[in-house]
Amino acid sequence: SGQARDIQFNYFGVSGGNLLAGSEALALSAGSLVGFGALNYPYEVYSGEDWLEQYDFVFVLEPGIDFYATIYQSLYLSLGASYRLTTGVEYEGLDNADFSGPSAVIGVGFGSFPR
């Protein structure tokens, strides 16, 4: 056994959503990402030069809501919130709740937002 290093968590998926309300200046949409991910949990072994990496594959569901507001003509601001749910974590001492939780995003976009 060796010393635990940082856990790397990457995931990808397909997302989609629906417009809940919209006008020329404001829009509100709800959507979800459905996908898979991997936890990479490297350990440092005795020599300090070699690495042993373990992978754990998980399912991810991330529903969310986004608010869009026009700032100027085709420039808009987006604010969003989501909650990531994971299942399939099998590392000793870790569980699904360790990789689930809320997140927020702020963005600026060009073009037209969903209407």
N, C-alpha and C. Protein backbone atom coordinates (compact mmCIF):
# COMPACT_ATOMS: atom_id res chain seq x y z
N SER A 1 0.84 -1.18 0.00
CA SER A 1 0.00 0.00 0.00
C SER A 1 0.87 1.24 0.00
N GLY A 2 0.33 2.33 -0.47
CA GLY A 2 1.08 3.58 -0.54
C GLY A 2 0.22 4.73 -0.08
N GLN A 3 0.65 5.92 -0.43
CA GLN A 3 -0.10 7.11 -0.06
C GLN A 3 -1.14 7.44 -1.13
N ALA A 4 -2.33 7.79 -0.66
CA ALA A 4 -3.38 8.18 -1.60
C ALA A 4 -3.07 9.54 -2.19
N ARG A 5 -3.38 9.72 -3.46
CA ARG A 5 -3.20 10.99 -4.15
C ARG A 5 -4.58 11.55 -4.49
N ASP A 6 -4.62 12.67 -5.17
CA ASP A 6 -5.90 13.28 -5.53
C ASP A 6 -6.72 12.36 -6.42
N ILE A 7 -8.02 12.37 -6.18
CA ILE A 7 -8.95 11.61 -7.01
C ILE A 7 -9.33 12.48 -8.20
N GLN A 8 -9.28 11.92 -9.39
CA GLN A 8 -9.71 12.62 -10.59
C GLN A 8 -11.08 12.08 -10.99
N PHE A 9 -12.02 12.98 -11.26
CA PHE A 9 -13.37 12.59 -11.63
C PHE A 9 -13.74 13.28 -12.94
N ASN A 10 -13.96 12.50 -13.97
CA ASN A 10 -14.35 13.01 -15.28
C ASN A 10 -15.62 12.31 -15.73
N TYR A 11 -16.51 13.06 -16.37
CA TYR A 11 -17.72 12.44 -16.90
C TYR A 11 -18.16 13.15 -18.17
N PHE A 12 -18.98 12.45 -18.94
CA PHE A 12 -19.50 12.99 -20.19
C PHE A 12 -20.90 12.42 -20.39
N GLY A 13 -21.65 13.03 -21.29
CA GLY A 13 -22.97 12.51 -21.54
C GLY A 13 -23.71 13.29 -22.60
N VAL A 14 -24.97 13.04 -22.67
CA VAL A 14 -25.87 13.69 -23.61
C VAL A 14 -26.80 14.58 -22.79
N SER A 15 -26.98 15.80 -23.27
CA SER A 15 -27.87 16.70 -22.54
C SER A 15 -28.97 17.21 -23.47
N GLY A 16 -30.07 17.53 -22.85
CA GLY A 16 -31.20 18.08 -23.58
C GLY A 16 -32.05 18.89 -22.62
N GLY A 17 -32.92 19.69 -23.18
CA GLY A 17 -33.75 20.51 -22.32
C GLY A 17 -34.96 21.05 -23.04
N ASN A 18 -35.81 21.70 -22.26
CA ASN A 18 -37.03 22.31 -22.78
C ASN A 18 -37.15 23.74 -22.30
N LEU A 19 -37.65 24.58 -23.16
CA LEU A 19 -37.93 25.96 -22.79
C LEU A 19 -39.19 26.00 -21.94
N LEU A 20 -39.08 26.60 -20.76
CA LEU A 20 -40.23 26.71 -19.87
C LEU A 20 -40.99 28.01 -20.11
N ALA A 21 -40.25 29.09 -20.34
CA ALA A 21 -40.84 30.40 -20.60
C ALA A 21 -39.82 31.23 -21.34
N GLY A 22 -40.27 32.12 -22.21
CA GLY A 22 -39.33 32.94 -22.95
C GLY A 22 -39.95 34.15 -23.59
N SER A 23 -39.13 35.18 -23.77
CA SER A 23 -39.53 36.40 -24.46
C SER A 23 -38.30 36.91 -25.20
N GLU A 24 -38.38 38.11 -25.75
CA GLU A 24 -37.23 38.69 -26.46
C GLU A 24 -36.05 38.95 -25.53
N ALA A 25 -36.34 39.25 -24.25
CA ALA A 25 -35.28 39.64 -23.33
C ALA A 25 -34.89 38.56 -22.32
N LEU A 26 -35.82 37.65 -21.99
CA LEU A 26 -35.58 36.67 -20.94
C LEU A 26 -36.05 35.28 -21.37
N ALA A 27 -35.39 34.25 -20.84
CA ALA A 27 -35.83 32.88 -21.10
C ALA A 27 -35.45 32.01 -19.90
N LEU A 28 -36.22 30.96 -19.69
CA LEU A 28 -35.99 30.00 -18.63
C LEU A 28 -36.13 28.61 -19.22
N SER A 29 -35.14 27.75 -19.00
CA SER A 29 -35.20 26.39 -19.53
C SER A 29 -34.78 25.38 -18.46
N ALA A 30 -35.25 24.16 -18.63
CA ALA A 30 -34.87 23.07 -17.74
C ALA A 30 -34.36 21.92 -18.60
N GLY A 31 -33.35 21.23 -18.10
CA GLY A 31 -32.79 20.14 -18.87
C GLY A 31 -32.05 19.16 -17.98
N SER A 32 -31.40 18.21 -18.61
CA SER A 32 -30.69 17.19 -17.87
C SER A 32 -29.55 16.62 -18.70
N LEU A 33 -28.50 16.22 -18.03
CA LEU A 33 -27.40 15.48 -18.65
C LEU A 33 -27.49 14.06 -18.13
N VAL A 34 -27.36 13.09 -19.02
CA VAL A 34 -27.32 11.68 -18.66
C VAL A 34 -26.03 11.13 -19.25
N GLY A 35 -25.20 10.51 -18.40
CA GLY A 35 -23.94 10.03 -18.93
C GLY A 35 -23.20 9.09 -18.01
N PHE A 36 -21.92 8.91 -18.33
CA PHE A 36 -21.05 8.02 -17.58
C PHE A 36 -19.77 8.75 -17.23
N GLY A 37 -19.11 8.26 -16.21
CA GLY A 37 -17.87 8.88 -15.79
C GLY A 37 -16.90 7.86 -15.22
N ALA A 38 -15.71 8.35 -14.89
CA ALA A 38 -14.69 7.50 -14.30
C ALA A 38 -13.98 8.24 -13.18
N LEU A 39 -13.74 7.52 -12.10
CA LEU A 39 -12.92 8.02 -11.01
C LEU A 39 -11.55 7.40 -11.18
N ASN A 40 -10.53 8.21 -11.16
CA ASN A 40 -9.16 7.73 -11.26
C ASN A 40 -8.53 8.00 -9.89
N TYR A 41 -8.10 6.95 -9.23
CA TYR A 41 -7.64 7.03 -7.85
C TYR A 41 -6.21 6.50 -7.76
N PRO A 42 -5.21 7.33 -8.15
CA PRO A 42 -3.83 6.83 -8.17
C PRO A 42 -3.22 6.69 -6.78
N TYR A 43 -2.37 5.70 -6.63
CA TYR A 43 -1.59 5.49 -5.41
C TYR A 43 -0.12 5.56 -5.74
N GLU A 44 0.68 6.14 -4.87
CA GLU A 44 2.13 6.16 -5.04
C GLU A 44 2.66 4.87 -4.42
N VAL A 45 3.45 4.11 -5.18
CA VAL A 45 4.00 2.85 -4.65
C VAL A 45 5.38 3.08 -4.06
N TYR A 46 5.98 2.05 -3.52
CA TYR A 46 7.20 2.14 -2.72
C TYR A 46 8.32 2.98 -3.30
N SER A 47 8.63 2.84 -4.57
CA SER A 47 9.77 3.54 -5.15
C SER A 47 9.54 5.03 -5.29
N GLY A 48 8.27 5.44 -5.30
CA GLY A 48 7.96 6.85 -5.49
C GLY A 48 8.01 7.28 -6.95
N GLU A 49 8.37 6.37 -7.83
CA GLU A 49 8.48 6.69 -9.26
C GLU A 49 7.37 6.03 -10.07
N ASP A 50 6.92 4.88 -9.63
CA ASP A 50 5.89 4.15 -10.36
C ASP A 50 4.52 4.46 -9.79
N TRP A 51 3.49 4.34 -10.64
CA TRP A 51 2.13 4.63 -10.22
C TRP A 51 1.24 3.43 -10.48
N LEU A 52 0.37 3.16 -9.56
CA LEU A 52 -0.67 2.16 -9.75
C LEU A 52 -1.97 2.94 -9.76
N GLU A 53 -2.72 2.86 -10.83
CA GLU A 53 -3.97 3.61 -10.93
C GLU A 53 -5.16 2.66 -10.91
N GLN A 54 -6.18 3.04 -10.17
CA GLN A 54 -7.41 2.29 -10.11
C GLN A 54 -8.51 3.14 -10.72
N TYR A 55 -9.43 2.50 -11.44
CA TYR A 55 -10.55 3.21 -12.05
C TYR A 55 -11.86 2.65 -11.51
N ASP A 56 -12.82 3.52 -11.37
CA ASP A 56 -14.16 3.13 -10.98
C ASP A 56 -15.10 3.85 -11.94
N PHE A 57 -15.97 3.12 -12.60
CA PHE A 57 -16.88 3.70 -13.58
C PHE A 57 -18.24 3.94 -12.94
N VAL A 58 -18.82 5.11 -13.22
CA VAL A 58 -20.07 5.52 -12.57
C VAL A 58 -21.07 6.02 -13.60
N PHE A 59 -22.34 6.02 -13.21
CA PHE A 59 -23.44 6.59 -13.98
C PHE A 59 -23.72 7.97 -13.40
N VAL A 60 -24.00 8.96 -14.27
CA VAL A 60 -24.24 10.33 -13.83
C VAL A 60 -25.56 10.84 -14.41
N LEU A 61 -26.36 11.45 -13.54
CA LEU A 61 -27.59 12.13 -13.95
C LEU A 61 -27.52 13.53 -13.34
N GLU A 62 -27.64 14.57 -14.18
CA GLU A 62 -27.51 15.94 -13.70
C GLU A 62 -28.63 16.83 -14.24
N PRO A 63 -29.77 16.88 -13.52
CA PRO A 63 -30.84 17.79 -13.93
C PRO A 63 -30.50 19.22 -13.53
N GLY A 64 -30.99 20.17 -14.34
CA GLY A 64 -30.68 21.57 -14.03
C GLY A 64 -31.67 22.54 -14.64
N ILE A 65 -31.49 23.79 -14.28
CA ILE A 65 -32.33 24.87 -14.78
C ILE A 65 -31.43 26.03 -15.18
N ASP A 66 -31.77 26.73 -16.27
CA ASP A 66 -30.96 27.85 -16.77
C ASP A 66 -31.85 29.06 -17.03
N PHE A 67 -31.31 30.22 -16.71
CA PHE A 67 -31.97 31.50 -16.93
C PHE A 67 -31.11 32.30 -17.90
N TYR A 68 -31.72 32.86 -18.94
CA TYR A 68 -31.00 33.64 -19.96
C TYR A 68 -31.56 35.07 -19.98
N ALA A 69 -30.67 36.05 -20.05
CA ALA A 69 -31.10 37.45 -20.14
C ALA A 69 -30.28 38.16 -21.20
N THR A 70 -30.96 38.86 -22.11
CA THR A 70 -30.26 39.63 -23.13
C THR A 70 -29.59 40.84 -22.48
N ILE A 71 -28.30 41.01 -22.77
CA ILE A 71 -27.55 42.16 -22.25
C ILE A 71 -27.55 43.28 -23.29
N TYR A 72 -27.25 42.91 -24.54
CA TYR A 72 -27.20 43.89 -25.63
C TYR A 72 -27.35 43.15 -26.95
N GLN A 73 -28.37 43.44 -27.71
CA GLN A 73 -28.67 42.84 -29.01
C GLN A 73 -28.45 41.33 -28.98
N SER A 74 -27.36 40.80 -29.54
CA SER A 74 -27.16 39.35 -29.58
C SER A 74 -26.19 38.86 -28.50
N LEU A 75 -25.99 39.64 -27.46
CA LEU A 75 -25.14 39.26 -26.33
C LEU A 75 -26.05 38.94 -25.14
N TYR A 76 -25.86 37.74 -24.56
CA TYR A 76 -26.71 37.38 -23.43
C TYR A 76 -25.91 36.79 -22.29
N LEU A 77 -26.50 36.84 -21.11
CA LEU A 77 -25.93 36.30 -19.89
C LEU A 77 -26.75 35.08 -19.51
N SER A 78 -26.08 34.02 -19.09
CA SER A 78 -26.80 32.84 -18.62
C SER A 78 -26.37 32.50 -17.20
N LEU A 79 -27.35 32.12 -16.40
CA LEU A 79 -27.13 31.67 -15.03
C LEU A 79 -27.82 30.33 -14.89
N GLY A 80 -27.12 29.36 -14.31
CA GLY A 80 -27.71 28.04 -14.19
C GLY A 80 -27.37 27.35 -12.88
N ALA A 81 -28.20 26.41 -12.52
CA ALA A 81 -27.96 25.59 -11.33
C ALA A 81 -28.35 24.15 -11.67
N SER A 82 -27.60 23.21 -11.13
CA SER A 82 -27.90 21.79 -11.36
C SER A 82 -27.52 20.99 -10.13
N TYR A 83 -27.93 19.74 -10.13
CA TYR A 83 -27.56 18.82 -9.05
C TYR A 83 -27.08 17.53 -9.69
N ARG A 84 -25.82 17.16 -9.45
CA ARG A 84 -25.24 15.95 -10.03
C ARG A 84 -25.50 14.77 -9.10
N LEU A 85 -26.10 13.72 -9.64
CA LEU A 85 -26.33 12.47 -8.93
C LEU A 85 -25.44 11.41 -9.54
N THR A 86 -24.67 10.70 -8.75
CA THR A 86 -23.83 9.62 -9.24
C THR A 86 -24.22 8.32 -8.57
N THR A 87 -24.01 7.23 -9.28
CA THR A 87 -24.23 5.91 -8.73
C THR A 87 -23.17 4.96 -9.28
N GLY A 88 -22.73 4.04 -8.47
CA GLY A 88 -21.72 3.07 -8.90
C GLY A 88 -20.37 3.24 -8.25
N VAL A 89 -20.22 4.18 -7.31
CA VAL A 89 -18.94 4.37 -6.62
C VAL A 89 -18.70 3.17 -5.70
N GLU A 90 -17.55 2.51 -5.87
CA GLU A 90 -17.27 1.30 -5.10
C GLU A 90 -15.96 1.35 -4.34
N TYR A 91 -15.29 2.51 -4.27
CA TYR A 91 -14.05 2.61 -3.52
C TYR A 91 -14.32 2.51 -2.04
N GLU A 92 -13.43 1.83 -1.32
CA GLU A 92 -13.55 1.74 0.13
C GLU A 92 -13.40 3.13 0.74
N GLY A 93 -14.33 3.48 1.61
CA GLY A 93 -14.28 4.78 2.27
C GLY A 93 -14.96 5.89 1.49
N LEU A 94 -15.45 5.61 0.29
CA LEU A 94 -16.15 6.61 -0.53
C LEU A 94 -17.52 6.06 -0.92
N ASP A 95 -18.46 6.96 -1.17
CA ASP A 95 -19.77 6.51 -1.65
C ASP A 95 -20.32 7.49 -2.68
N ASN A 96 -21.49 7.20 -3.20
CA ASN A 96 -22.09 8.02 -4.25
C ASN A 96 -22.24 9.48 -3.83
N ALA A 97 -22.58 9.72 -2.57
CA ALA A 97 -22.80 11.09 -2.08
C ALA A 97 -21.52 11.93 -2.15
N ASP A 98 -20.36 11.30 -2.12
CA ASP A 98 -19.10 12.04 -2.21
C ASP A 98 -18.90 12.69 -3.57
N PHE A 99 -19.60 12.22 -4.60
CA PHE A 99 -19.45 12.75 -5.95
C PHE A 99 -20.75 13.33 -6.49
N SER A 100 -21.73 13.47 -5.63
CA SER A 100 -23.01 14.09 -5.96
C SER A 100 -23.07 15.44 -5.27
N GLY A 101 -23.80 16.37 -5.86
CA GLY A 101 -23.95 17.66 -5.22
C GLY A 101 -24.36 18.75 -6.18
N PRO A 102 -24.65 19.92 -5.62
CA PRO A 102 -25.11 21.05 -6.44
C PRO A 102 -23.94 21.73 -7.16
N SER A 103 -24.27 22.39 -8.26
CA SER A 103 -23.28 23.21 -8.96
C SER A 103 -24.00 24.40 -9.59
N ALA A 104 -23.23 25.42 -9.89
CA ALA A 104 -23.77 26.63 -10.51
C ALA A 104 -22.86 27.03 -11.66
N VAL A 105 -23.43 27.72 -12.64
CA VAL A 105 -22.65 28.16 -13.79
C VAL A 105 -23.11 29.57 -14.19
N ILE A 106 -22.15 30.38 -14.58
CA ILE A 106 -22.42 31.70 -15.12
C ILE A 106 -21.74 31.76 -16.48
N GLY A 107 -22.45 32.24 -17.48
CA GLY A 107 -21.87 32.31 -18.81
C GLY A 107 -22.30 33.53 -19.59
N VAL A 108 -21.55 33.81 -20.62
CA VAL A 108 -21.88 34.89 -21.55
C VAL A 108 -21.90 34.24 -22.94
N GLY A 109 -22.92 34.53 -23.71
CA GLY A 109 -23.04 33.95 -25.03
C GLY A 109 -23.36 34.98 -26.10
N PHE A 110 -23.10 34.59 -27.33
CA PHE A 110 -23.39 35.43 -28.49
C PHE A 110 -24.39 34.70 -29.38
N GLY A 111 -25.27 35.43 -29.98
CA GLY A 111 -26.29 34.84 -30.82
C GLY A 111 -27.63 34.97 -30.13
N SER A 112 -28.52 34.05 -30.42
CA SER A 112 -29.82 34.10 -29.78
C SER A 112 -29.92 32.98 -28.76
N PHE A 113 -30.54 33.25 -27.65
CA PHE A 113 -30.73 32.21 -26.65
C PHE A 113 -32.04 31.48 -26.92
N PRO A 114 -32.26 30.35 -26.26
CA PRO A 114 -33.49 29.57 -26.53
C PRO A 114 -34.74 30.40 -26.29
N ARG A 115 -35.70 30.31 -27.22
CA ARG A 115 -36.99 31.01 -27.08
C ARG A 115 -38.11 30.05 -27.32
